[in-house]
Amino acid sequence: MKIAGTGGEVRVGYQRAAMLGKWSITASGYQPQTSYTLNAAVVDRDEYWFYQYPHAVSLSMGNRQWLWHNVTVTGDTTITGELTGSPLIT
């Protein structure tokens, strides 16, 4: 299963490390151990906070946010990361 969208953030605590443009997640595994591979375009980032850990990734899904904690993302203008478990949906 693959889901795509636009908009999101990478945060370290309350600090924004990066703003995301187009993104996609590809699911693998089964509940409760579902994991997702994230691929996203970075539209802006803070050079200091981007290299601090752990990251939290928030993806815009319509009028909701899907949030994963304890994520490590890598990359430059395009990032990848492994999102484990079900997201917190707010």
PDB file of N, CA and C in Angstrom:
ATOM      1  N   MET A   1       0.841  -1.167   0.000  1.00  0.00           N
ATOM      2  CA  MET A   1       0.000   0.000   0.000  1.00  0.00           C
ATOM      3  C   MET A   1       0.890   1.235   0.000  1.00  0.00           C
ATOM      4  N   LYS A   2       0.548   2.194  -0.834  1.00  0.00           N
ATOM      5  CA  LYS A   2       1.311   3.442  -0.907  1.00  0.00           C
ATOM      6  C   LYS A   2       0.340   4.609  -0.771  1.00  0.00           C
ATOM      7  N   ILE A   3       0.720   5.583   0.062  1.00  0.00           N
ATOM      8  CA  ILE A   3      -0.074   6.792   0.266  1.00  0.00           C
ATOM      9  C   ILE A   3       0.828   7.970  -0.058  1.00  0.00           C
ATOM     10  N   ALA A   4       0.282   8.984  -0.733  1.00  0.00           N
ATOM     11  CA  ALA A   4       1.062  10.167  -1.077  1.00  0.00           C
ATOM     12  C   ALA A   4       0.287  11.416  -0.683  1.00  0.00           C
ATOM     13  N   GLY A   5       1.027  12.483  -0.422  1.00  0.00           N
ATOM     14  CA  GLY A   5       0.398  13.742  -0.061  1.00  0.00           C
ATOM     15  C   GLY A   5       1.394  14.880  -0.137  1.00  0.00           C
ATOM     16  N   THR A   6       0.974  16.015   0.384  1.00  0.00           N
ATOM     17  CA  THR A   6       1.808  17.207   0.395  1.00  0.00           C
ATOM     18  C   THR A   6       1.706  17.862   1.755  1.00  0.00           C
ATOM     19  N   GLY A   7       2.845  18.246   2.297  1.00  0.00           N
ATOM     20  CA  GLY A   7       2.873  18.989   3.548  1.00  0.00           C
ATOM     21  C   GLY A   7       3.184  18.119   4.744  1.00  0.00           C
ATOM     22  N   GLY A   8       4.010  18.653   5.602  1.00  0.00           N
ATOM     23  CA  GLY A   8       4.376  17.953   6.823  1.00  0.00           C
ATOM     24  C   GLY A   8       5.591  18.608   7.444  1.00  0.00           C
ATOM     25  N   GLU A   9       6.033  18.048   8.542  1.00  0.00           N
ATOM     26  CA  GLU A   9       7.186  18.585   9.266  1.00  0.00           C
ATOM     27  C   GLU A   9       8.003  17.466   9.875  1.00  0.00           C
ATOM     28  N   VAL A  10       9.261  17.767  10.078  1.00  0.00           N
ATOM     29  CA  VAL A  10      10.145  16.967  10.919  1.00  0.00           C
ATOM     30  C   VAL A  10      10.477  17.871  12.096  1.00  0.00           C
ATOM     31  N   ARG A  11      10.271  17.366  13.316  1.00  0.00           N
ATOM     32  CA  ARG A  11      10.506  18.173  14.507  1.00  0.00           C
ATOM     33  C   ARG A  11      11.446  17.438  15.453  1.00  0.00           C
ATOM     34  N   VAL A  12      12.118  18.227  16.274  1.00  0.00           N
ATOM     35  CA  VAL A  12      12.903  17.711  17.392  1.00  0.00           C
ATOM     36  C   VAL A  12      12.346  18.444  18.606  1.00  0.00           C
ATOM     37  N   GLY A  13      11.558  17.739  19.402  1.00  0.00           N
ATOM     38  CA  GLY A  13      10.857  18.414  20.488  1.00  0.00           C
ATOM     39  C   GLY A  13       9.902  19.428  19.894  1.00  0.00           C
ATOM     40  N   TYR A  14       9.999  20.667  20.370  1.00  0.00           N
ATOM     41  CA  TYR A  14       9.138  21.730  19.853  1.00  0.00           C
ATOM     42  C   TYR A  14       9.781  22.511  18.701  1.00  0.00           C
ATOM     43  N   GLN A  15      10.974  22.120  18.294  1.00  0.00           N
ATOM     44  CA  GLN A  15      11.696  22.831  17.241  1.00  0.00           C
ATOM     45  C   GLN A  15      11.426  22.203  15.874  1.00  0.00           C
ATOM     46  N   ARG A  16      11.131  23.027  14.885  1.00  0.00           N
ATOM     47  CA  ARG A  16      10.946  22.524  13.534  1.00  0.00           C
ATOM     48  C   ARG A  16      12.313  22.314  12.905  1.00  0.00           C
ATOM     49  N   ALA A  17      12.578  21.080  12.494  1.00  0.00           N
ATOM     50  CA  ALA A  17      13.840  20.756  11.835  1.00  0.00           C
ATOM     51  C   ALA A  17      13.719  20.868  10.322  1.00  0.00           C
ATOM     52  N   ALA A  18      12.526  20.570   9.775  1.00  0.00           N
ATOM     53  CA  ALA A  18      12.327  20.652   8.328  1.00  0.00           C
ATOM     54  C   ALA A  18      10.843  20.757   8.010  1.00  0.00           C
ATOM     55  N   MET A  19      10.564  21.455   6.923  1.00  0.00           N
ATOM     56  CA  MET A  19       9.214  21.494   6.365  1.00  0.00           C
ATOM     57  C   MET A  19       9.223  20.614   5.122  1.00  0.00           C
ATOM     58  N   LEU A  20       8.177  19.820   4.967  1.00  0.00           N
ATOM     59  CA  LEU A  20       8.116  18.869   3.873  1.00  0.00           C
ATOM     60  C   LEU A  20       7.148  19.323   2.795  1.00  0.00           C
ATOM     61  N   GLY A  21       7.480  19.004   1.556  1.00  0.00           N
ATOM     62  CA  GLY A  21       6.597  19.228   0.413  1.00  0.00           C
ATOM     63  C   GLY A  21       5.902  17.924   0.076  1.00  0.00           C
ATOM     64  N   LYS A  22       6.110  17.440  -1.132  1.00  0.00           N
ATOM     65  CA  LYS A  22       5.511  16.166  -1.544  1.00  0.00           C
ATOM     66  C   LYS A  22       6.145  15.024  -0.777  1.00  0.00           C
ATOM     67  N   TRP A  23       5.324  14.077  -0.352  1.00  0.00           N
ATOM     68  CA  TRP A  23       5.813  12.914   0.369  1.00  0.00           C
ATOM     69  C   TRP A  23       5.016  11.685  -0.036  1.00  0.00           C
ATOM     70  N   SER A  24       5.602  10.527   0.248  1.00  0.00           N
ATOM     71  CA  SER A  24       4.887   9.260   0.078  1.00  0.00           C
ATOM     72  C   SER A  24       5.350   8.309   1.162  1.00  0.00           C
ATOM     73  N   ILE A  25       4.434   7.460   1.598  1.00  0.00           N
ATOM     74  CA  ILE A  25       4.789   6.391   2.529  1.00  0.00           C
ATOM     75  C   ILE A  25       4.317   5.080   1.915  1.00  0.00           C
ATOM     76  N   THR A  26       5.141   4.070   2.073  1.00  0.00           N
ATOM     77  CA  THR A  26       4.829   2.735   1.589  1.00  0.00           C
ATOM     78  C   THR A  26       4.780   1.812   2.793  1.00  0.00           C
ATOM     79  N   ALA A  27       3.645   1.145   2.984  1.00  0.00           N
ATOM     80  CA  ALA A  27       3.440   0.280   4.150  1.00  0.00           C
ATOM     81  C   ALA A  27       3.969  -1.119   3.891  1.00  0.00           C
ATOM     82  N   SER A  28       4.427  -1.739   4.981  1.00  0.00           N
ATOM     83  CA  SER A  28       4.822  -3.144   4.944  1.00  0.00           C
ATOM     84  C   SER A  28       4.522  -3.737   6.311  1.00  0.00           C
ATOM     85  N   GLY A  29       4.346  -5.029   6.369  1.00  0.00           N
ATOM     86  CA  GLY A  29       4.044  -5.676   7.638  1.00  0.00           C
ATOM     87  C   GLY A  29       2.554  -5.654   7.932  1.00  0.00           C
ATOM     88  N   TYR A  30       2.194  -6.194   9.078  1.00  0.00           N
ATOM     89  CA  TYR A  30       0.802  -6.304   9.483  1.00  0.00           C
ATOM     90  C   TYR A  30       0.648  -5.774  10.892  1.00  0.00           C
ATOM     91  N   GLN A  31      -0.580  -5.380  11.243  1.00  0.00           N
ATOM     92  CA  GLN A  31      -0.848  -4.870  12.587  1.00  0.00           C
ATOM     93  C   GLN A  31      -0.445  -5.917  13.608  1.00  0.00           C
ATOM     94  N   PRO A  32       0.103  -5.608  14.762  1.00  0.00           N
ATOM     95  CA  PRO A  32       0.411  -4.267  15.211  1.00  0.00           C
ATOM     96  C   PRO A  32       1.821  -3.813  14.839  1.00  0.00           C
ATOM     97  N   GLN A  33       2.528  -4.550  14.014  1.00  0.00           N
ATOM     98  CA  GLN A  33       3.918  -4.215  13.691  1.00  0.00           C
ATOM     99  C   GLN A  33       4.067  -3.578  12.322  1.00  0.00           C
ATOM    100  N   THR A  34       3.090  -2.816  11.907  1.00  0.00           N
ATOM    101  CA  THR A  34       3.169  -2.145  10.614  1.00  0.00           C
ATOM    102  C   THR A  34       4.318  -1.150  10.612  1.00  0.00           C
ATOM    103  N   SER A  35       5.015  -1.065   9.505  1.00  0.00           N
ATOM    104  CA  SER A  35       6.033  -0.027   9.352  1.00  0.00           C
ATOM    105  C   SER A  35       5.841   0.612   7.983  1.00  0.00           C
ATOM    106  N   TYR A  36       6.334   1.839   7.868  1.00  0.00           N
ATOM    107  CA  TYR A  36       6.187   2.613   6.649  1.00  0.00           C
ATOM    108  C   TYR A  36       7.542   3.172   6.264  1.00  0.00           C
ATOM    109  N   THR A  37       7.830   3.173   4.975  1.00  0.00           N
ATOM    110  CA  THR A  37       9.031   3.827   4.469  1.00  0.00           C
ATOM    111  C   THR A  37       8.610   5.183   3.927  1.00  0.00           C
ATOM    112  N   LEU A  38       9.228   6.237   4.462  1.00  0.00           N
ATOM    113  CA  LEU A  38       8.920   7.602   4.076  1.00  0.00           C
ATOM    114  C   LEU A  38       9.911   8.099   3.034  1.00  0.00           C
ATOM    115  N   ASN A  39       9.413   8.732   2.005  1.00  0.00           N
ATOM    116  CA  ASN A  39      10.221   9.479   1.032  1.00  0.00           C
ATOM    117  C   ASN A  39       9.558  10.842   0.917  1.00  0.00           C
ATOM    118  N   ALA A  40      10.332  11.912   1.127  1.00  0.00           N
ATOM    119  CA  ALA A  40       9.734  13.248   1.116  1.00  0.00           C
ATOM    120  C   ALA A  40      10.708  14.290   0.581  1.00  0.00           C
ATOM    121  N   ALA A  41      10.135  15.306  -0.058  1.00  0.00           N
ATOM    122  CA  ALA A  41      10.911  16.457  -0.516  1.00  0.00           C
ATOM    123  C   ALA A  41      10.975  17.467   0.620  1.00  0.00           C
ATOM    124  N   VAL A  42      12.144  18.023   0.854  1.00  0.00           N
ATOM    125  CA  VAL A  42      12.330  19.041   1.887  1.00  0.00           C
ATOM    126  C   VAL A  42      12.237  20.406   1.220  1.00  0.00           C
ATOM    127  N   VAL A  43      11.326  21.258   1.717  1.00  0.00           N
ATOM    128  CA  VAL A  43      11.201  22.601   1.146  1.00  0.00           C
ATOM    129  C   VAL A  43      11.957  23.634   1.970  1.00  0.00           C
ATOM    130  N   ASP A  44      12.215  23.328   3.232  1.00  0.00           N
ATOM    131  CA  ASP A  44      12.995  24.218   4.091  1.00  0.00           C
ATOM    132  C   ASP A  44      13.477  23.400   5.280  1.00  0.00           C
ATOM    133  N   ARG A  45      14.666  23.728   5.777  1.00  0.00           N
ATOM    134  CA  ARG A  45      15.134  23.029   6.974  1.00  0.00           C
ATOM    135  C   ARG A  45      16.070  23.901   7.774  1.00  0.00           C
ATOM    136  N   ASP A  46      16.135  23.611   9.054  1.00  0.00           N
ATOM    137  CA  ASP A  46      17.047  24.273   9.972  1.00  0.00           C
ATOM    138  C   ASP A  46      18.262  23.371  10.102  1.00  0.00           C
ATOM    139  N   GLU A  47      19.409  23.857   9.673  1.00  0.00           N
ATOM    140  CA  GLU A  47      20.614  23.026   9.626  1.00  0.00           C
ATOM    141  C   GLU A  47      21.003  22.471  11.000  1.00  0.00           C
ATOM    142  N   TYR A  48      20.804  23.221  12.055  1.00  0.00           N
ATOM    143  CA  TYR A  48      21.161  22.727  13.385  1.00  0.00           C
ATOM    144  C   TYR A  48      20.185  21.640  13.831  1.00  0.00           C
ATOM    145  N   TRP A  49      18.889  21.942  13.852  1.00  0.00           N
ATOM    146  CA  TRP A  49      17.898  21.005  14.390  1.00  0.00           C
ATOM    147  C   TRP A  49      17.748  19.760  13.541  1.00  0.00           C
ATOM    148  N   PHE A  50      18.009  19.853  12.248  1.00  0.00           N
ATOM    149  CA  PHE A  50      17.871  18.679  11.392  1.00  0.00           C
ATOM    150  C   PHE A  50      18.821  17.559  11.820  1.00  0.00           C
ATOM    151  N   TYR A  51      19.959  17.904  12.374  1.00  0.00           N
ATOM    152  CA  TYR A  51      20.939  16.893  12.771  1.00  0.00           C
ATOM    153  C   TYR A  51      20.864  16.534  14.250  1.00  0.00           C
ATOM    154  N   GLN A  52      19.825  16.970  14.942  1.00  0.00           N
ATOM    155  CA  GLN A  52      19.582  16.569  16.319  1.00  0.00           C
ATOM    156  C   GLN A  52      18.563  15.425  16.307  1.00  0.00           C
ATOM    157  N   TYR A  53      18.537  14.651  17.368  1.00  0.00           N
ATOM    158  CA  TYR A  53      17.660  13.470  17.413  1.00  0.00           C
ATOM    159  C   TYR A  53      17.009  13.364  18.769  1.00  0.00           C
ATOM    160  N   PRO A  54      15.915  12.616  18.901  1.00  0.00           N
ATOM    161  CA  PRO A  54      15.178  11.910  17.858  1.00  0.00           C
ATOM    162  C   PRO A  54      14.203  12.842  17.153  1.00  0.00           C
ATOM    163  N   HIS A  55      13.863  12.474  15.942  1.00  0.00           N
ATOM    164  CA  HIS A  55      12.909  13.241  15.155  1.00  0.00           C
ATOM    165  C   HIS A  55      11.489  12.757  15.433  1.00  0.00           C
ATOM    166  N   ALA A  56      10.555  13.642  15.186  1.00  0.00           N
ATOM    167  CA  ALA A  56       9.144  13.290  15.087  1.00  0.00           C
ATOM    168  C   ALA A  56       8.714  13.730  13.696  1.00  0.00           C
ATOM    169  N   VAL A  57       7.949  12.901  13.018  1.00  0.00           N
ATOM    170  CA  VAL A  57       7.496  13.216  11.672  1.00  0.00           C
ATOM    171  C   VAL A  57       5.982  13.366  11.690  1.00  0.00           C
ATOM    172  N   SER A  58       5.513  14.487  11.171  1.00  0.00           N
ATOM    173  CA  SER A  58       4.090  14.783  11.075  1.00  0.00           C
ATOM    174  C   SER A  58       3.748  14.981   9.608  1.00  0.00           C
ATOM    175  N   LEU A  59       2.774  14.219   9.097  1.00  0.00           N
ATOM    176  CA  LEU A  59       2.368  14.321   7.699  1.00  0.00           C
ATOM    177  C   LEU A  59       0.924  14.798   7.616  1.00  0.00           C
ATOM    178  N   SER A  60       0.657  15.742   6.725  1.00  0.00           N
ATOM    179  CA  SER A  60      -0.702  16.248   6.532  1.00  0.00           C
ATOM    180  C   SER A  60      -1.519  15.242   5.730  1.00  0.00           C
ATOM    181  N   MET A  61      -2.670  14.882   6.290  1.00  0.00           N
ATOM    182  CA  MET A  61      -3.607  13.961   5.640  1.00  0.00           C
ATOM    183  C   MET A  61      -4.975  14.620   5.668  1.00  0.00           C
ATOM    184  N   GLY A  62      -5.278  15.420   4.644  1.00  0.00           N
ATOM    185  CA  GLY A  62      -6.518  16.187   4.652  1.00  0.00           C
ATOM    186  C   GLY A  62      -6.452  17.225   5.756  1.00  0.00           C
ATOM    187  N   ASN A  63      -7.434  17.224   6.647  1.00  0.00           N
ATOM    188  CA  ASN A  63      -7.421  18.168   7.765  1.00  0.00           C
ATOM    189  C   ASN A  63      -6.872  17.537   9.041  1.00  0.00           C
ATOM    190  N   ARG A  64      -6.220  16.426   8.928  1.00  0.00           N
ATOM    191  CA  ARG A  64      -5.608  15.718  10.060  1.00  0.00           C
ATOM    192  C   ARG A  64      -4.090  15.672   9.909  1.00  0.00           C
ATOM    193  N   GLN A  65      -3.411  15.354  11.009  1.00  0.00           N
ATOM    194  CA  GLN A  65      -1.966  15.137  11.012  1.00  0.00           C
ATOM    195  C   GLN A  65      -1.702  13.711  11.479  1.00  0.00           C
ATOM    196  N   TRP A  66      -0.853  12.997  10.747  1.00  0.00           N
ATOM    197  CA  TRP A  66      -0.400  11.680  11.171  1.00  0.00           C
ATOM    198  C   TRP A  66       0.988  11.879  11.756  1.00  0.00           C
ATOM    199  N   LEU A  67       1.200  11.446  12.995  1.00  0.00           N
ATOM    200  CA  LEU A  67       2.431  11.734  13.732  1.00  0.00           C
ATOM    201  C   LEU A  67       3.101  10.456  14.211  1.00  0.00           C
ATOM    202  N   TRP A  68       4.400  10.367  13.944  1.00  0.00           N
ATOM    203  CA  TRP A  68       5.236   9.283  14.457  1.00  0.00           C
ATOM    204  C   TRP A  68       6.363   9.898  15.270  1.00  0.00           C
ATOM    205  N   HIS A  69       6.668   9.304  16.428  1.00  0.00           N
ATOM    206  CA  HIS A  69       7.777   9.754  17.265  1.00  0.00           C
ATOM    207  C   HIS A  69       8.961   8.801  17.099  1.00  0.00           C
ATOM    208  N   ASN A  70      10.129   9.233  17.572  1.00  0.00           N
ATOM    209  CA  ASN A  70      11.356   8.420  17.572  1.00  0.00           C
ATOM    210  C   ASN A  70      11.717   7.897  16.195  1.00  0.00           C
ATOM    211  N   VAL A  71      11.795   8.820  15.261  1.00  0.00           N
ATOM    212  CA  VAL A  71      12.134   8.517  13.873  1.00  0.00           C
ATOM    213  C   VAL A  71      13.477   9.162  13.570  1.00  0.00           C
ATOM    214  N   THR A  72      14.264   8.514  12.745  1.00  0.00           N
ATOM    215  CA  THR A  72      15.485   9.130  12.232  1.00  0.00           C
ATOM    216  C   THR A  72      15.338   9.249  10.727  1.00  0.00           C
ATOM    217  N   VAL A  73      15.432  10.465  10.218  1.00  0.00           N
ATOM    218  CA  VAL A  73      15.375  10.676   8.775  1.00  0.00           C
ATOM    219  C   VAL A  73      16.760  11.057   8.281  1.00  0.00           C
ATOM    220  N   THR A  74      17.045  10.689   7.052  1.00  0.00           N
ATOM    221  CA  THR A  74      18.338  11.008   6.446  1.00  0.00           C
ATOM    222  C   THR A  74      18.110  11.585   5.065  1.00  0.00           C
ATOM    223  N   GLY A  75      19.058  12.366   4.614  1.00  0.00           N
ATOM    224  CA  GLY A  75      18.994  12.929   3.285  1.00  0.00           C
ATOM    225  C   GLY A  75      19.296  14.409   3.302  1.00  0.00           C
ATOM    226  N   ASP A  76      19.014  15.055   2.187  1.00  0.00           N
ATOM    227  CA  ASP A  76      19.309  16.474   2.020  1.00  0.00           C
ATOM    228  C   ASP A  76      18.060  17.181   1.519  1.00  0.00           C
ATOM    229  N   THR A  77      17.893  17.288   0.203  1.00  0.00           N
ATOM    230  CA  THR A  77      16.683  17.898  -0.338  1.00  0.00           C
ATOM    231  C   THR A  77      15.549  16.879  -0.451  1.00  0.00           C
ATOM    232  N   THR A  78      15.889  15.612  -0.418  1.00  0.00           N
ATOM    233  CA  THR A  78      14.926  14.511  -0.331  1.00  0.00           C
ATOM    234  C   THR A  78      15.339  13.659   0.861  1.00  0.00           C
ATOM    235  N   ILE A  79      14.374  13.299   1.703  1.00  0.00           N
ATOM    236  CA  ILE A  79      14.702  12.505   2.879  1.00  0.00           C
ATOM    237  C   ILE A  79      13.990  11.163   2.840  1.00  0.00           C
ATOM    238  N   THR A  80      14.552  10.214   3.579  1.00  0.00           N
ATOM    239  CA  THR A  80      13.925   8.922   3.778  1.00  0.00           C
ATOM    240  C   THR A  80      13.952   8.614   5.266  1.00  0.00           C
ATOM    241  N   GLY A  81      13.042   7.770   5.686  1.00  0.00           N
ATOM    242  CA  GLY A  81      13.000   7.351   7.082  1.00  0.00           C
ATOM    243  C   GLY A  81      12.079   6.166   7.244  1.00  0.00           C
ATOM    244  N   GLU A  82      12.207   5.484   8.358  1.00  0.00           N
ATOM    245  CA  GLU A  82      11.372   4.327   8.668  1.00  0.00           C
ATOM    246  C   GLU A  82      10.424   4.726   9.787  1.00  0.00           C
ATOM    247  N   LEU A  83       9.121   4.673   9.504  1.00  0.00           N
ATOM    248  CA  LEU A  83       8.084   5.020  10.472  1.00  0.00           C
ATOM    249  C   LEU A  83       7.497   3.717  10.985  1.00  0.00           C
ATOM    250  N   THR A  84       7.625   3.455  12.281  1.00  0.00           N
ATOM    251  CA  THR A  84       7.218   2.181  12.847  1.00  0.00           C
ATOM    252  C   THR A  84       5.951   2.319  13.673  1.00  0.00           C
ATOM    253  N   GLY A  85       5.048   1.374  13.494  1.00  0.00           N
ATOM    254  CA  GLY A  85       3.822   1.359  14.266  1.00  0.00           C
ATOM    255  C   GLY A  85       2.765   2.269  13.667  1.00  0.00           C
ATOM    256  N   SER A  86       1.628   2.302  14.336  1.00  0.00           N
ATOM    257  CA  SER A  86       0.524   3.150  13.883  1.00  0.00           C
ATOM    258  C   SER A  86       0.781   4.598  14.256  1.00  0.00           C
ATOM    259  N   PRO A  87       0.382   5.532  13.412  1.00  0.00           N
ATOM    260  CA  PRO A  87       0.579   6.954  13.737  1.00  0.00           C
ATOM    261  C   PRO A  87      -0.437   7.423  14.771  1.00  0.00           C
ATOM    262  N   LEU A  88      -0.073   8.480  15.474  1.00  0.00           N
ATOM    263  CA  LEU A  88      -1.009   9.219  16.315  1.00  0.00           C
ATOM    264  C   LEU A  88      -1.719  10.173  15.374  1.00  0.00           C
ATOM    265  N   ILE A  89      -3.034  10.094  15.278  1.00  0.00           N
ATOM    266  CA  ILE A  89      -3.791  10.929  14.356  1.00  0.00           C
ATOM    267  C   ILE A  89      -4.485  12.024  15.135  1.00  0.00           C
ATOM    268  N   THR A  90      -4.178  13.277  14.779  1.00  0.00           N
ATOM    269  CA  THR A  90      -4.774  14.412  15.473  1.00  0.00           C
ATOM    270  C   THR A  90      -5.526  15.303  14.511  1.00  0.00           C
TER     271      THR A  90
END
